[in-house]
């Protein structure tokens, strides 16, 4: 089912509504709230900064991952999740990141922090 990323903000599904499959047992290890950036202009500034520091075409996407950003969003903070990572290595036992990737991430954060807020 395709969903509008903005529709996720604050939406929680009761675990009692989860589908039951005979013979399958599951347990929830973490129950973190979803988040979507509620400030489109801020998200666009982050996207523009990313476009200026990396090759390729950055895009805003919905990811099936949990971060503390959900808790921050519930508290009223607009968040965008982005950071330095090597493809397929984030949060693994062999996670690493190249220095040039860290430098690009630093530049992205710097550009966002010093960009003009046109709100």
PDB file of N, CA and C in Angstrom:
ATOM      1  N   UNK A   1       0.846  -1.174   0.000  1.00  0.00           N
ATOM      2  CA  UNK A   1       0.000   0.000   0.000  1.00  0.00           C
ATOM      3  C   UNK A   1       0.889   1.235   0.000  1.00  0.00           C
ATOM      4  N   UNK A   2       0.729   2.104  -0.966  1.00  0.00           N
ATOM      5  CA  UNK A   2       1.473   3.353  -1.025  1.00  0.00           C
ATOM      6  C   UNK A   2       0.895   4.329  -0.021  1.00  0.00           C
ATOM      7  N   UNK A   3       1.774   5.064   0.668  1.00  0.00           N
ATOM      8  CA  UNK A   3       1.317   6.031   1.668  1.00  0.00           C
ATOM      9  C   UNK A   3       1.991   7.357   1.425  1.00  0.00           C
ATOM     10  N   UNK A   4       1.263   8.399   1.719  1.00  0.00           N
ATOM     11  CA  UNK A   4       1.822   9.744   1.707  1.00  0.00           C
ATOM     12  C   UNK A   4       2.738   9.855   2.926  1.00  0.00           C
ATOM     13  N   UNK A   5       4.056  10.183   2.746  1.00  0.00           N
ATOM     14  CA  UNK A   5       4.966  10.274   3.888  1.00  0.00           C
ATOM     15  C   UNK A   5       4.452  11.199   4.985  1.00  0.00           C
ATOM     16  N   UNK A   6       3.748  12.241   4.636  1.00  0.00           N
ATOM     17  CA  UNK A   6       3.227  13.155   5.637  1.00  0.00           C
ATOM     18  C   UNK A   6       2.141  12.528   6.497  1.00  0.00           C
ATOM     19  N   UNK A   7       1.520  11.465   5.999  1.00  0.00           N
ATOM     20  CA  UNK A   7       0.446  10.840   6.762  1.00  0.00           C
ATOM     21  C   UNK A   7       0.983   9.989   7.908  1.00  0.00           C
ATOM     22  N   UNK A   8       2.269   9.726   7.956  1.00  0.00           N
ATOM     23  CA  UNK A   8       2.844   8.895   9.008  1.00  0.00           C
ATOM     24  C   UNK A   8       3.033   9.630  10.320  1.00  0.00           C
ATOM     25  N   UNK A   9       3.176  10.925  10.262  1.00  0.00           N
ATOM     26  CA  UNK A   9       3.489  11.694  11.465  1.00  0.00           C
ATOM     27  C   UNK A   9       2.456  11.441  12.559  1.00  0.00           C
ATOM     28  N   UNK A  10       2.936  10.889  13.663  1.00  0.00           N
ATOM     29  CA  UNK A  10       2.094  10.671  14.817  1.00  0.00           C
ATOM     30  C   UNK A  10       1.173   9.465  14.732  1.00  0.00           C
ATOM     31  N   UNK A  11       1.195   8.739  13.641  1.00  0.00           N
ATOM     32  CA  UNK A  11       0.292   7.604  13.489  1.00  0.00           C
ATOM     33  C   UNK A  11       0.889   6.372  14.158  1.00  0.00           C
ATOM     34  N   UNK A  12       0.100   5.737  15.014  1.00  0.00           N
ATOM     35  CA  UNK A  12       0.522   4.499  15.667  1.00  0.00           C
ATOM     36  C   UNK A  12      -0.587   3.482  15.484  1.00  0.00           C
ATOM     37  N   UNK A  13      -0.211   2.267  15.231  1.00  0.00           N
ATOM     38  CA  UNK A  13      -1.180   1.189  15.095  1.00  0.00           C
ATOM     39  C   UNK A  13      -1.119   0.354  16.362  1.00  0.00           C
ATOM     40  N   UNK A  14      -2.256   0.089  16.940  1.00  0.00           N
ATOM     41  CA  UNK A  14      -2.295  -0.743  18.138  1.00  0.00           C
ATOM     42  C   UNK A  14      -1.767  -2.127  17.805  1.00  0.00           C
ATOM     43  N   UNK A  15      -0.885  -2.636  18.631  1.00  0.00           N
ATOM     44  CA  UNK A  15      -0.306  -3.947  18.370  1.00  0.00           C
ATOM     45  C   UNK A  15      -1.363  -5.041  18.355  1.00  0.00           C
ATOM     46  N   UNK A  16      -2.474  -4.811  19.031  1.00  0.00           N
ATOM     47  CA  UNK A  16      -3.561  -5.793  19.020  1.00  0.00           C
ATOM     48  C   UNK A  16      -4.210  -5.890  17.651  1.00  0.00           C
ATOM     49  N   UNK A  17      -3.954  -4.901  16.780  1.00  0.00           N
ATOM     50  CA  UNK A  17      -4.517  -4.925  15.430  1.00  0.00           C
ATOM     51  C   UNK A  17      -3.595  -5.596  14.426  1.00  0.00           C
ATOM     52  N   UNK A  18      -2.446  -6.070  14.885  1.00  0.00           N
ATOM     53  CA  UNK A  18      -1.497  -6.727  13.984  1.00  0.00           C
ATOM     54  C   UNK A  18      -2.104  -8.033  13.468  1.00  0.00           C
ATOM     55  N   UNK A  19      -1.782  -8.349  12.239  1.00  0.00           N
ATOM     56  CA  UNK A  19      -2.311  -9.555  11.614  1.00  0.00           C
ATOM     57  C   UNK A  19      -1.792 -10.794  12.339  1.00  0.00           C
ATOM     58  N   UNK A  20      -2.669 -11.756  12.530  1.00  0.00           N
ATOM     59  CA  UNK A  20      -2.290 -13.018  13.147  1.00  0.00           C
ATOM     60  C   UNK A  20      -2.154 -14.066  12.059  1.00  0.00           C
ATOM     61  N   UNK A  21      -1.044 -14.792  12.106  1.00  0.00           N
ATOM     62  CA  UNK A  21      -0.809 -15.871  11.150  1.00  0.00           C
ATOM     63  C   UNK A  21      -0.613 -17.146  11.956  1.00  0.00           C
ATOM     64  N   UNK A  22      -1.434 -18.145  11.694  1.00  0.00           N
ATOM     65  CA  UNK A  22      -1.334 -19.397  12.423  1.00  0.00           C
ATOM     66  C   UNK A  22       0.077 -19.967  12.320  1.00  0.00           C
ATOM     67  N   UNK A  23       0.630 -20.361  13.460  1.00  0.00           N
ATOM     68  CA  UNK A  23       1.951 -20.970  13.487  1.00  0.00           C
ATOM     69  C   UNK A  23       3.092 -19.972  13.546  1.00  0.00           C
ATOM     70  N   UNK A  24       2.787 -18.678  13.503  1.00  0.00           N
ATOM     71  CA  UNK A  24       3.840 -17.658  13.543  1.00  0.00           C
ATOM     72  C   UNK A  24       3.724 -16.887  14.850  1.00  0.00           C
ATOM     73  N   UNK A  25       4.833 -16.810  15.565  1.00  0.00           N
ATOM     74  CA  UNK A  25       4.878 -16.014  16.778  1.00  0.00           C
ATOM     75  C   UNK A  25       5.844 -14.865  16.554  1.00  0.00           C
ATOM     76  N   UNK A  26       5.566 -13.720  17.153  1.00  0.00           N
ATOM     77  CA  UNK A  26       6.447 -12.567  17.021  1.00  0.00           C
ATOM     78  C   UNK A  26       6.450 -11.794  18.316  1.00  0.00           C
ATOM     79  N   UNK A  27       7.490 -11.010  18.480  1.00  0.00           N
ATOM     80  CA  UNK A  27       7.587 -10.159  19.662  1.00  0.00           C
ATOM     81  C   UNK A  27       8.158  -8.818  19.236  1.00  0.00           C
ATOM     82  N   UNK A  28       7.707  -7.771  19.887  1.00  0.00           N
ATOM     83  CA  UNK A  28       8.171  -6.427  19.585  1.00  0.00           C
ATOM     84  C   UNK A  28       9.354  -6.112  20.486  1.00  0.00           C
ATOM     85  N   UNK A  29      10.512  -5.824  19.866  1.00  0.00           N
ATOM     86  CA  UNK A  29      11.702  -5.443  20.624  1.00  0.00           C
ATOM     87  C   UNK A  29      11.728  -3.947  20.883  1.00  0.00           C
ATOM     88  N   UNK A  30      11.208  -3.176  19.950  1.00  0.00           N
ATOM     89  CA  UNK A  30      11.159  -1.723  20.082  1.00  0.00           C
ATOM     90  C   UNK A  30       9.833  -1.242  19.516  1.00  0.00           C
ATOM     91  N   UNK A  31       9.278  -0.248  20.136  1.00  0.00           N
ATOM     92  CA  UNK A  31       8.037   0.348  19.647  1.00  0.00           C
ATOM     93  C   UNK A  31       8.253   1.854  19.568  1.00  0.00           C
ATOM     94  N   UNK A  32       8.990   2.268  18.539  1.00  0.00           N
ATOM     95  CA  UNK A  32       9.323   3.677  18.376  1.00  0.00           C
ATOM     96  C   UNK A  32       8.304   4.349  17.468  1.00  0.00           C
ATOM     97  N   UNK A  33       7.955   5.591  17.764  1.00  0.00           N
ATOM     98  CA  UNK A  33       6.950   6.274  16.947  1.00  0.00           C
ATOM     99  C   UNK A  33       7.501   6.639  15.562  1.00  0.00           C
ATOM    100  N   UNK A  34       6.622   6.646  14.562  1.00  0.00           N
ATOM    101  CA  UNK A  34       7.039   7.085  13.226  1.00  0.00           C
ATOM    102  C   UNK A  34       7.225   8.593  13.216  1.00  0.00           C
ATOM    103  N   UNK A  35       7.900   9.092  12.204  1.00  0.00           N
ATOM    104  CA  UNK A  35       8.034  10.539  12.081  1.00  0.00           C
ATOM    105  C   UNK A  35       8.117  10.915  10.620  1.00  0.00           C
ATOM    106  N   UNK A  36       7.680  12.108  10.355  1.00  0.00           N
ATOM    107  CA  UNK A  36       7.861  12.742   9.055  1.00  0.00           C
ATOM    108  C   UNK A  36       8.117  14.208   9.368  1.00  0.00           C
ATOM    109  N   UNK A  37       8.959  14.828   8.596  1.00  0.00           N
ATOM    110  CA  UNK A  37       9.274  16.235   8.836  1.00  0.00           C
ATOM    111  C   UNK A  37       8.028  17.070   8.550  1.00  0.00           C
ATOM    112  N   UNK A  38       7.621  17.853   9.537  1.00  0.00           N
ATOM    113  CA  UNK A  38       6.449  18.699   9.384  1.00  0.00           C
ATOM    114  C   UNK A  38       6.756  20.066   8.789  1.00  0.00           C
ATOM    115  N   UNK A  39       8.024  20.333   8.500  1.00  0.00           N
ATOM    116  CA  UNK A  39       8.444  21.627   7.964  1.00  0.00           C
ATOM    117  C   UNK A  39       9.033  21.406   6.577  1.00  0.00           C
ATOM    118  N   UNK A  40       8.193  21.536   5.561  1.00  0.00           N
ATOM    119  CA  UNK A  40       8.612  21.261   4.188  1.00  0.00           C
ATOM    120  C   UNK A  40       9.777  22.146   3.749  1.00  0.00           C
ATOM    121  N   UNK A  41       9.802  23.394   4.193  1.00  0.00           N
ATOM    122  CA  UNK A  41      10.892  24.297   3.805  1.00  0.00           C
ATOM    123  C   UNK A  41      12.222  23.811   4.383  1.00  0.00           C
ATOM    124  N   UNK A  42      12.207  23.347   5.629  1.00  0.00           N
ATOM    125  CA  UNK A  42      13.420  22.807   6.242  1.00  0.00           C
ATOM    126  C   UNK A  42      13.883  21.559   5.490  1.00  0.00           C
ATOM    127  N   UNK A  43      12.951  20.655   5.194  1.00  0.00           N
ATOM    128  CA  UNK A  43      13.299  19.451   4.447  1.00  0.00           C
ATOM    129  C   UNK A  43      13.880  19.808   3.083  1.00  0.00           C
ATOM    130  N   UNK A  44      13.337  20.824   2.439  1.00  0.00           N
ATOM    131  CA  UNK A  44      13.856  21.260   1.139  1.00  0.00           C
ATOM    132  C   UNK A  44      15.262  21.854   1.270  1.00  0.00           C
ATOM    133  N   UNK A  45      15.529  22.589   2.370  1.00  0.00           N
ATOM    134  CA  UNK A  45      16.885  23.132   2.582  1.00  0.00           C
ATOM    135  C   UNK A  45      17.890  22.004   2.775  1.00  0.00           C
ATOM    136  N   UNK A  46      17.500  20.962   3.485  1.00  0.00           N
ATOM    137  CA  UNK A  46      18.390  19.810   3.661  1.00  0.00           C
ATOM    138  C   UNK A  46      18.639  19.139   2.314  1.00  0.00           C
ATOM    139  N   UNK A  47      17.590  18.976   1.522  1.00  0.00           N
ATOM    140  CA  UNK A  47      17.736  18.367   0.203  1.00  0.00           C
ATOM    141  C   UNK A  47      18.653  19.198  -0.693  1.00  0.00           C
ATOM    142  N   UNK A  48      18.496  20.515  -0.660  1.00  0.00           N
ATOM    143  CA  UNK A  48      19.362  21.395  -1.460  1.00  0.00           C
ATOM    144  C   UNK A  48      20.807  21.300  -1.000  1.00  0.00           C
ATOM    145  N   UNK A  49      21.033  21.231   0.311  1.00  0.00           N
ATOM    146  CA  UNK A  49      22.394  21.091   0.829  1.00  0.00           C
ATOM    147  C   UNK A  49      22.989  19.769   0.388  1.00  0.00           C
ATOM    148  N   UNK A  50      22.211  18.707   0.434  1.00  0.00           N
ATOM    149  CA  UNK A  50      22.696  17.395  -0.002  1.00  0.00           C
ATOM    150  C   UNK A  50      23.039  17.423  -1.479  1.00  0.00           C
ATOM    151  N   UNK A  51      22.206  18.093  -2.267  1.00  0.00           N
ATOM    152  CA  UNK A  51      22.461  18.196  -3.704  1.00  0.00           C
ATOM    153  C   UNK A  51      23.768  18.927  -3.979  1.00  0.00           C
ATOM    154  N   UNK A  52      24.116  19.864  -3.109  1.00  0.00           N
ATOM    155  CA  UNK A  52      25.336  20.641  -3.313  1.00  0.00           C
ATOM    156  C   UNK A  52      26.618  19.957  -2.877  1.00  0.00           C
ATOM    157  N   UNK A  53      26.519  18.861  -2.124  1.00  0.00           N
ATOM    158  CA  UNK A  53      27.737  18.244  -1.593  1.00  0.00           C
ATOM    159  C   UNK A  53      28.000  16.836  -2.090  1.00  0.00           C
ATOM    160  N   UNK A  54      27.091  16.266  -2.838  1.00  0.00           N
ATOM    161  CA  UNK A  54      27.320  14.885  -3.276  1.00  0.00           C
ATOM    162  C   UNK A  54      27.021  14.715  -4.742  1.00  0.00           C
ATOM    163  N   UNK A  55      27.607  13.690  -5.306  1.00  0.00           N
ATOM    164  CA  UNK A  55      27.288  13.319  -6.679  1.00  0.00           C
ATOM    165  C   UNK A  55      25.952  12.595  -6.656  1.00  0.00           C
ATOM    166  N   UNK A  56      25.288  12.556  -7.754  1.00  0.00           N
ATOM    167  CA  UNK A  56      23.990  11.892  -7.790  1.00  0.00           C
ATOM    168  C   UNK A  56      22.880  12.843  -7.435  1.00  0.00           C
ATOM    169  N   UNK A  57      21.697  12.315  -7.395  1.00  0.00           N
ATOM    170  CA  UNK A  57      20.514  13.125  -7.139  1.00  0.00           C
ATOM    171  C   UNK A  57      19.871  12.705  -5.821  1.00  0.00           C
ATOM    172  N   UNK A  58      20.091  13.469  -4.751  1.00  0.00           N
ATOM    173  CA  UNK A  58      19.456  13.115  -3.483  1.00  0.00           C
ATOM    174  C   UNK A  58      17.940  13.274  -3.596  1.00  0.00           C
ATOM    175  N   UNK A  59      17.225  12.532  -2.785  1.00  0.00           N
ATOM    176  CA  UNK A  59      15.768  12.641  -2.785  1.00  0.00           C
ATOM    177  C   UNK A  59      15.233  12.400  -1.385  1.00  0.00           C
ATOM    178  N   UNK A  60      14.054  12.948  -1.130  1.00  0.00           N
ATOM    179  CA  UNK A  60      13.370  12.705   0.132  1.00  0.00           C
ATOM    180  C   UNK A  60      12.642  11.380   0.001  1.00  0.00           C
ATOM    181  N   UNK A  61      12.885  10.489   0.961  1.00  0.00           N
ATOM    182  CA  UNK A  61      12.265   9.171   0.918  1.00  0.00           C
ATOM    183  C   UNK A  61      11.748   8.795   2.299  1.00  0.00           C
ATOM    184  N   UNK A  62      10.826   7.875   2.324  1.00  0.00           N
ATOM    185  CA  UNK A  62      10.351   7.280   3.564  1.00  0.00           C
ATOM    186  C   UNK A  62      11.136   5.997   3.750  1.00  0.00           C
ATOM    187  N   UNK A  63      11.729   5.842   4.913  1.00  0.00           N
ATOM    188  CA  UNK A  63      12.540   4.658   5.191  1.00  0.00           C
ATOM    189  C   UNK A  63      11.882   3.837   6.298  1.00  0.00           C
ATOM    190  N   UNK A  64      11.960   2.523   6.208  1.00  0.00           N
ATOM    191  CA  UNK A  64      11.368   1.672   7.241  1.00  0.00           C
ATOM    192  C   UNK A  64      12.327   1.445   8.406  1.00  0.00           C
ATOM    193  N   UNK A  65      12.861   2.509   8.949  1.00  0.00           N
ATOM    194  CA  UNK A  65      13.815   2.420  10.044  1.00  0.00           C
ATOM    195  C   UNK A  65      13.322   3.257  11.208  1.00  0.00           C
ATOM    196  N   UNK A  66      13.766   2.914  12.392  1.00  0.00           N
ATOM    197  CA  UNK A  66      13.386   3.669  13.575  1.00  0.00           C
ATOM    198  C   UNK A  66      14.593   4.447  14.090  1.00  0.00           C
ATOM    199  N   UNK A  67      14.347   5.677  14.509  1.00  0.00           N
ATOM    200  CA  UNK A  67      15.384   6.500  15.123  1.00  0.00           C
ATOM    201  C   UNK A  67      14.751   7.277  16.266  1.00  0.00           C
ATOM    202  N   UNK A  68      15.567   7.978  17.002  1.00  0.00           N
ATOM    203  CA  UNK A  68      15.049   8.859  18.046  1.00  0.00           C
ATOM    204  C   UNK A  68      14.245  10.016  17.470  1.00  0.00           C
ATOM    205  N   UNK A  69      14.312  10.204  16.164  1.00  0.00           N
ATOM    206  CA  UNK A  69      13.574  11.296  15.538  1.00  0.00           C
ATOM    207  C   UNK A  69      12.071  11.177  15.779  1.00  0.00           C
ATOM    208  N   UNK A  70      11.555   9.975  15.922  1.00  0.00           N
ATOM    209  CA  UNK A  70      10.139   9.807  16.213  1.00  0.00           C
ATOM    210  C   UNK A  70       9.757  10.425  17.553  1.00  0.00           C
ATOM    211  N   UNK A  71      10.622  10.210  18.561  1.00  0.00           N
ATOM    212  CA  UNK A  71      10.363  10.805  19.878  1.00  0.00           C
ATOM    213  C   UNK A  71      10.495  12.324  19.798  1.00  0.00           C
ATOM    214  N   UNK A  72      11.498  12.801  19.079  1.00  0.00           N
ATOM    215  CA  UNK A  72      11.684  14.242  18.932  1.00  0.00           C
ATOM    216  C   UNK A  72      10.495  14.876  18.209  1.00  0.00           C
ATOM    217  N   UNK A  73       9.995  14.194  17.183  1.00  0.00           N
ATOM    218  CA  UNK A  73       8.838  14.704  16.448  1.00  0.00           C
ATOM    219  C   UNK A  73       7.614  14.770  17.357  1.00  0.00           C
ATOM    220  N   UNK A  74       7.424  13.744  18.188  1.00  0.00           N
ATOM    221  CA  UNK A  74       6.297  13.768  19.131  1.00  0.00           C
ATOM    222  C   UNK A  74       6.390  14.951  20.089  1.00  0.00           C
ATOM    223  N   UNK A  75       7.637  15.380  20.393  1.00  0.00           N
ATOM    224  CA  UNK A  75       7.850  16.503  21.309  1.00  0.00           C
ATOM    225  C   UNK A  75       7.756  17.848  20.591  1.00  0.00           C
ATOM    226  N   UNK A  76       7.510  17.832  19.263  1.00  0.00           N
ATOM    227  CA  UNK A  76       7.320  19.076  18.527  1.00  0.00           C
ATOM    228  C   UNK A  76       8.520  19.574  17.755  1.00  0.00           C
ATOM    229  N   UNK A  77       9.555  18.755  17.628  1.00  0.00           N
ATOM    230  CA  UNK A  77      10.751  19.145  16.880  1.00  0.00           C
ATOM    231  C   UNK A  77      10.661  18.594  15.461  1.00  0.00           C
ATOM    232  N   UNK A  78      10.826  19.460  14.465  1.00  0.00           N
ATOM    233  CA  UNK A  78      10.856  18.981  13.085  1.00  0.00           C
ATOM    234  C   UNK A  78      12.210  18.366  12.806  1.00  0.00           C
ATOM    235  N   UNK A  79      12.211  17.159  12.271  1.00  0.00           N
ATOM    236  CA  UNK A  79      13.443  16.401  12.058  1.00  0.00           C
ATOM    237  C   UNK A  79      13.579  15.957  10.616  1.00  0.00           C
ATOM    238  N   UNK A  80      14.812  15.839  10.194  1.00  0.00           N
ATOM    239  CA  UNK A  80      15.177  15.178   8.948  1.00  0.00           C
ATOM    240  C   UNK A  80      16.300  14.232   9.327  1.00  0.00           C
ATOM    241  N   UNK A  81      16.215  12.995   8.907  1.00  0.00           N
ATOM    242  CA  UNK A  81      17.240  12.010   9.242  1.00  0.00           C
ATOM    243  C   UNK A  81      18.181  11.879   8.054  1.00  0.00           C
ATOM    244  N   UNK A  82      19.435  12.229   8.282  1.00  0.00           N
ATOM    245  CA  UNK A  82      20.459  12.035   7.263  1.00  0.00           C
ATOM    246  C   UNK A  82      21.801  11.966   7.979  1.00  0.00           C
ATOM    247  N   UNK A  83      22.710  11.248   7.401  1.00  0.00           N
ATOM    248  CA  UNK A  83      24.005  11.137   8.038  1.00  0.00           C
ATOM    249  C   UNK A  83      24.961  10.306   7.212  1.00  0.00           C
ATOM    250  N   UNK A  84      26.144  10.183   7.737  1.00  0.00           N
ATOM    251  CA  UNK A  84      27.207   9.457   7.045  1.00  0.00           C
ATOM    252  C   UNK A  84      27.017   7.960   7.226  1.00  0.00           C
ATOM    253  N   UNK A  85      27.068   7.221   6.138  1.00  0.00           N
ATOM    254  CA  UNK A  85      26.977   5.762   6.200  1.00  0.00           C
ATOM    255  C   UNK A  85      27.476   5.169   4.889  1.00  0.00           C
ATOM    256  N   UNK A  86      27.951   3.961   4.987  1.00  0.00           N
ATOM    257  CA  UNK A  86      28.302   3.199   3.793  1.00  0.00           C
ATOM    258  C   UNK A  86      27.104   2.310   3.473  1.00  0.00           C
ATOM    259  N   UNK A  87      26.763   2.141   2.207  1.00  0.00           N
ATOM    260  CA  UNK A  87      25.595   1.323   1.843  1.00  0.00           C
ATOM    261  C   UNK A  87      25.663  -0.073   2.473  1.00  0.00           C
ATOM    262  N   UNK A  88      24.591  -0.445   3.140  1.00  0.00           N
ATOM    263  CA  UNK A  88      24.487  -1.773   3.723  1.00  0.00           C
ATOM    264  C   UNK A  88      25.220  -1.993   5.029  1.00  0.00           C
ATOM    265  N   UNK A  89      25.927  -0.985   5.533  1.00  0.00           N
ATOM    266  CA  UNK A  89      26.709  -1.174   6.753  1.00  0.00           C
ATOM    267  C   UNK A  89      26.118  -0.508   7.988  1.00  0.00           C
ATOM    268  N   UNK A  90      25.160   0.381   7.827  1.00  0.00           N
ATOM    269  CA  UNK A  90      24.642   1.123   8.978  1.00  0.00           C
ATOM    270  C   UNK A  90      24.120   0.178  10.052  1.00  0.00           C
ATOM    271  N   UNK A  91      24.568   0.405  11.275  1.00  0.00           N
ATOM    272  CA  UNK A  91      24.114  -0.344  12.457  1.00  0.00           C
ATOM    273  C   UNK A  91      24.423  -1.834  12.395  1.00  0.00           C
ATOM    274  N   UNK A  92      25.512  -2.192  11.727  1.00  0.00           N
ATOM    275  CA  UNK A  92      25.948  -3.582  11.698  1.00  0.00           C
ATOM    276  C   UNK A  92      27.220  -3.723  12.526  1.00  0.00           C
ATOM    277  N   UNK A  93      27.620  -4.948  12.777  1.00  0.00           N
ATOM    278  CA  UNK A  93      28.834  -5.210  13.561  1.00  0.00           C
ATOM    279  C   UNK A  93      30.079  -4.723  12.836  1.00  0.00           C
ATOM    280  N   UNK A  94      30.011  -4.578  11.520  1.00  0.00           N
ATOM    281  CA  UNK A  94      31.177  -4.139  10.734  1.00  0.00           C
ATOM    282  C   UNK A  94      30.996  -2.739  10.174  1.00  0.00           C
ATOM    283  N   UNK A  95      30.159  -1.941  10.824  1.00  0.00           N
ATOM    284  CA  UNK A  95      29.892  -0.586  10.340  1.00  0.00           C
ATOM    285  C   UNK A  95      31.177   0.232  10.258  1.00  0.00           C
ATOM    286  N   UNK A  96      31.307   0.957   9.172  1.00  0.00           N
ATOM    287  CA  UNK A  96      32.448   1.867   8.997  1.00  0.00           C
ATOM    288  C   UNK A  96      31.984   3.000   8.095  1.00  0.00           C
ATOM    289  N   UNK A  97      32.815   4.029   8.018  1.00  0.00           N
ATOM    290  CA  UNK A  97      32.507   5.130   7.112  1.00  0.00           C
ATOM    291  C   UNK A  97      33.828   5.760   6.681  1.00  0.00           C
ATOM    292  N   UNK A  98      33.933   6.072   5.413  1.00  0.00           N
ATOM    293  CA  UNK A  98      35.145   6.668   4.859  1.00  0.00           C
ATOM    294  C   UNK A  98      35.238   8.143   5.264  1.00  0.00           C
ATOM    295  N   UNK A  99      36.453   8.633   5.379  1.00  0.00           N
ATOM    296  CA  UNK A  99      36.684  10.028   5.766  1.00  0.00           C
ATOM    297  C   UNK A  99      36.011  10.991   4.794  1.00  0.00           C
ATOM    298  N   UNK A 100      36.063  10.711   3.494  1.00  0.00           N
ATOM    299  CA  UNK A 100      35.434  11.630   2.542  1.00  0.00           C
ATOM    300  C   UNK A 100      33.918  11.671   2.719  1.00  0.00           C
ATOM    301  N   UNK A 101      33.315  10.581   3.159  1.00  0.00           N
ATOM    302  CA  UNK A 101      31.878  10.568   3.432  1.00  0.00           C
ATOM    303  C   UNK A 101      31.583  11.431   4.661  1.00  0.00           C
ATOM    304  N   UNK A 102      32.420  11.337   5.688  1.00  0.00           N
ATOM    305  CA  UNK A 102      32.265  12.192   6.870  1.00  0.00           C
ATOM    306  C   UNK A 102      32.419  13.662   6.505  1.00  0.00           C
ATOM    307  N   UNK A 103      33.368  13.964   5.638  1.00  0.00           N
ATOM    308  CA  UNK A 103      33.581  15.353   5.227  1.00  0.00           C
ATOM    309  C   UNK A 103      32.371  15.893   4.468  1.00  0.00           C
ATOM    310  N   UNK A 104      31.780  15.073   3.586  1.00  0.00           N
ATOM    311  CA  UNK A 104      30.566  15.503   2.871  1.00  0.00           C
ATOM    312  C   UNK A 104      29.414  15.714   3.846  1.00  0.00           C
ATOM    313  N   UNK A 105      29.290  14.842   4.824  1.00  0.00           N
ATOM    314  CA  UNK A 105      28.226  14.972   5.811  1.00  0.00           C
ATOM    315  C   UNK A 105      28.422  16.259   6.628  1.00  0.00           C
ATOM    316  N   UNK A 106      29.647  16.535   7.025  1.00  0.00           N
ATOM    317  CA  UNK A 106      29.945  17.780   7.743  1.00  0.00           C
ATOM    318  C   UNK A 106      29.518  18.972   6.896  1.00  0.00           C
ATOM    319  N   UNK A 107      29.884  18.953   5.620  1.00  0.00           N
ATOM    320  CA  UNK A 107      29.543  20.065   4.724  1.00  0.00           C
ATOM    321  C   UNK A 107      28.027  20.199   4.578  1.00  0.00           C
ATOM    322  N   UNK A 108      27.318  19.092   4.490  1.00  0.00           N
ATOM    323  CA  UNK A 108      25.860  19.135   4.405  1.00  0.00           C
ATOM    324  C   UNK A 108      25.283  19.803   5.649  1.00  0.00           C
ATOM    325  N   UNK A 109      25.712  19.350   6.835  1.00  0.00           N
ATOM    326  CA  UNK A 109      25.211  19.944   8.083  1.00  0.00           C
ATOM    327  C   UNK A 109      25.549  21.437   8.150  1.00  0.00           C
ATOM    328  N   UNK A 110      26.753  21.802   7.742  1.00  0.00           N
ATOM    329  CA  UNK A 110      27.164  23.201   7.771  1.00  0.00           C
ATOM    330  C   UNK A 110      26.268  24.046   6.851  1.00  0.00           C
ATOM    331  N   UNK A 111      26.023  23.528   5.645  1.00  0.00           N
ATOM    332  CA  UNK A 111      25.188  24.281   4.701  1.00  0.00           C
ATOM    333  C   UNK A 111      23.754  24.450   5.213  1.00  0.00           C
ATOM    334  N   UNK A 112      23.225  23.415   5.846  1.00  0.00           N
ATOM    335  CA  UNK A 112      21.868  23.533   6.399  1.00  0.00           C
ATOM    336  C   UNK A 112      21.860  24.556   7.527  1.00  0.00           C
ATOM    337  N   UNK A 113      22.864  24.488   8.405  1.00  0.00           N
ATOM    338  CA  UNK A 113      22.911  25.390   9.559  1.00  0.00           C
ATOM    339  C   UNK A 113      23.077  26.849   9.149  1.00  0.00           C
ATOM    340  N   UNK A 114      23.730  27.088   8.028  1.00  0.00           N
ATOM    341  CA  UNK A 114      23.987  28.474   7.622  1.00  0.00           C
ATOM    342  C   UNK A 114      23.064  28.935   6.484  1.00  0.00           C
ATOM    343  N   UNK A 115      22.122  28.064   6.082  1.00  0.00           N
ATOM    344  CA  UNK A 115      21.212  28.451   4.995  1.00  0.00           C
ATOM    345  C   UNK A 115      20.168  29.424   5.512  1.00  0.00           C
ATOM    346  N   UNK A 116      19.644  30.191   4.595  1.00  0.00           N
ATOM    347  CA  UNK A 116      18.614  31.171   4.933  1.00  0.00           C
ATOM    348  C   UNK A 116      17.288  30.473   5.133  1.00  0.00           C
ATOM    349  N   UNK A 117      16.636  30.777   6.222  1.00  0.00           N
ATOM    350  CA  UNK A 117      15.308  30.276   6.496  1.00  0.00           C
ATOM    351  C   UNK A 117      14.328  31.227   5.824  1.00  0.00           C
ATOM    352  N   UNK A 118      13.674  30.795   4.769  1.00  0.00           N
ATOM    353  CA  UNK A 118      12.789  31.687   4.018  1.00  0.00           C
ATOM    354  C   UNK A 118      11.344  31.603   4.487  1.00  0.00           C
ATOM    355  N   UNK A 119      11.121  31.054   5.667  1.00  0.00           N
ATOM    356  CA  UNK A 119       9.743  30.963   6.201  1.00  0.00           C
ATOM    357  C   UNK A 119       9.217  32.331   6.570  1.00  0.00           C
TER     358      UNK A 119
END
